[in-house]
Protein backbone atom coordinates (compact mmCIF):
# COMPACT_ATOMS: atom_id res chain seq x y z
CA MET A 1 -8.72 13.46 7.16
CA SER A 2 -5.36 15.18 7.07
CA LEU A 3 -2.59 13.34 5.27
CA PRO A 4 1.02 14.38 5.93
CA THR A 5 2.42 17.35 4.06
CA ALA A 6 5.92 17.83 2.69
CA ASN A 7 6.82 19.47 6.03
CA ASP A 8 5.60 16.39 7.93
CA TRP A 9 6.84 13.62 5.67
CA SER A 10 10.01 14.30 3.70
CA PHE A 11 11.63 12.20 0.99
CA GLU A 12 14.82 14.26 0.81
CA GLU A 13 17.08 11.40 1.90
CA ILE A 14 15.54 9.17 -0.76
CA ARG A 15 15.83 11.96 -3.35
CA GLN A 16 19.61 12.07 -2.84
CA CYS A 17 20.05 8.50 -4.10
CA ASP A 18 16.85 7.96 -6.15
CA PRO A 19 15.10 11.14 -7.34
CA HIS A 20 12.55 9.21 -9.44
CA ARG A 21 11.41 7.17 -6.43
CA ALA A 22 11.13 10.33 -4.32
CA GLU A 23 8.97 11.94 -7.01
CA ARG A 24 6.67 8.88 -7.15
CA LEU A 25 6.28 8.84 -3.38
CA GLU A 26 5.50 12.57 -3.25
CA THR A 27 2.90 12.51 -6.01
CA PRO A 28 -0.52 12.27 -4.35
CA LYS A 29 -2.82 9.44 -5.36
CA SER A 30 -6.29 8.59 -4.16
CA PRO A 31 -6.81 5.45 -2.07
CA GLN A 32 -8.86 4.13 -5.01
CA SER A 33 -5.88 4.62 -7.32
CA HIS A 34 -3.59 2.64 -5.01
CA ILE A 35 -6.19 -0.14 -4.74
CA ALA A 36 -6.69 -0.19 -8.52
CA ALA A 37 -2.94 -0.76 -9.05
CA VAL A 38 -2.95 -3.63 -6.55
CA ASN A 39 -6.05 -5.06 -8.25
CA VAL A 40 -4.28 -5.07 -11.64
CA ALA A 41 -1.38 -7.01 -10.11
CA LEU A 42 -3.76 -9.47 -8.45
CA ARG A 43 -5.63 -10.13 -11.70
CA GLU A 44 -2.33 -10.71 -13.49
CA ALA A 45 -1.15 -13.12 -10.77
CA LEU A 46 -4.42 -15.07 -10.91
CA ARG A 47 -4.34 -15.21 -14.71
CA HIS A 48 -0.83 -16.73 -14.66
CA ASN A 49 -1.39 -18.95 -11.61
CA ARG A 50 1.17 -16.98 -9.59
CA SER A 51 -0.65 -16.67 -6.31
CA ARG A 52 -1.08 -18.66 -3.13
CA LEU A 53 -4.38 -19.09 -1.32
CA ALA A 54 -4.66 -20.18 2.30
CA ARG A 55 -6.94 -20.22 5.29
CA GLU A 56 -5.75 -18.63 8.51
CA ASN A 57 -7.35 -19.43 11.83
CA SER A 58 -7.84 -16.51 14.16
CA GLU A 59 -8.40 -17.50 17.76
CA LYS A 60 -9.11 -13.87 18.69
CA VAL A 61 -12.29 -13.70 16.63
CA HIS A 62 -12.96 -17.46 16.57
CA ALA A 63 -13.15 -17.51 12.80
CA ASP A 64 -11.08 -18.32 9.76
CA ARG A 65 -10.04 -15.79 7.19
CA ALA A 66 -8.86 -16.16 3.63
CA VAL A 67 -5.30 -15.16 2.77
CA ILE A 68 -3.95 -14.57 -0.71
CA GLN A 69 -0.33 -13.90 -1.53
CA PHE A 70 0.89 -12.51 -4.83
CA LEU A 71 3.75 -10.40 -6.09
CA LEU A 72 3.38 -6.69 -6.66
CA PRO A 73 5.62 -4.66 -8.92
CA PRO A 74 8.11 -2.90 -6.60
CA THR A 75 6.85 0.56 -7.54
CA VAL A 76 3.23 -0.38 -6.76
CA TYR A 77 4.25 -1.90 -3.40
CA ASP A 78 6.37 1.14 -2.56
CA GLN A 79 3.64 3.64 -3.42
CA PHE A 80 0.91 1.64 -1.68
CA PHE A 81 2.82 1.52 1.61
CA ASN A 82 5.27 4.43 1.59
CA ALA A 83 3.80 7.30 -0.45
CA ARG A 84 2.58 10.40 1.32
CA SER A 85 -0.92 9.30 0.26
CA GLY A 86 -0.41 5.57 0.94
CA TYR A 87 -1.34 3.11 3.65
CA ARG A 88 1.14 4.33 6.27
CA ALA A 89 0.16 7.94 5.65
CA HIS A 90 -3.45 7.11 6.51
CA PHE A 91 -2.29 5.58 9.80
CA TRP A 92 -0.17 8.71 10.35
CA ASP A 93 -3.43 10.68 10.20
CA SER A 94 -5.03 8.31 12.71
CA PRO A 95 -5.35 4.55 13.27
CA ALA A 96 -9.08 4.81 12.53
CA SER A 97 -8.33 6.48 9.20
CA GLY A 98 -5.80 3.79 8.32
CA LEU A 99 -8.27 1.03 9.04
CA CYS A 100 -11.13 2.79 7.25
CA ASP A 101 -9.57 3.73 3.89
């Protein structure tokens, strides 16, 4: 797996208006670290009854799947999706990598 480098994925435009956010997005984290932060938010949402559960029907796979919605702290959401080591970065490497990690 080859995640994007600073030459591939720059946060310079973000740094101009929000240097702290740029620093957070540049700081590498493991996939497990991102998932752990989301897990903390999920546990907090469940503890305070601040989540929504649903069932979604998928005609493509002829099965239902569970859906849960809960709020994430903005920094956790931002890092999970936008960091150089986050979800989108794994898809940048390859779609298979994004689906696997």
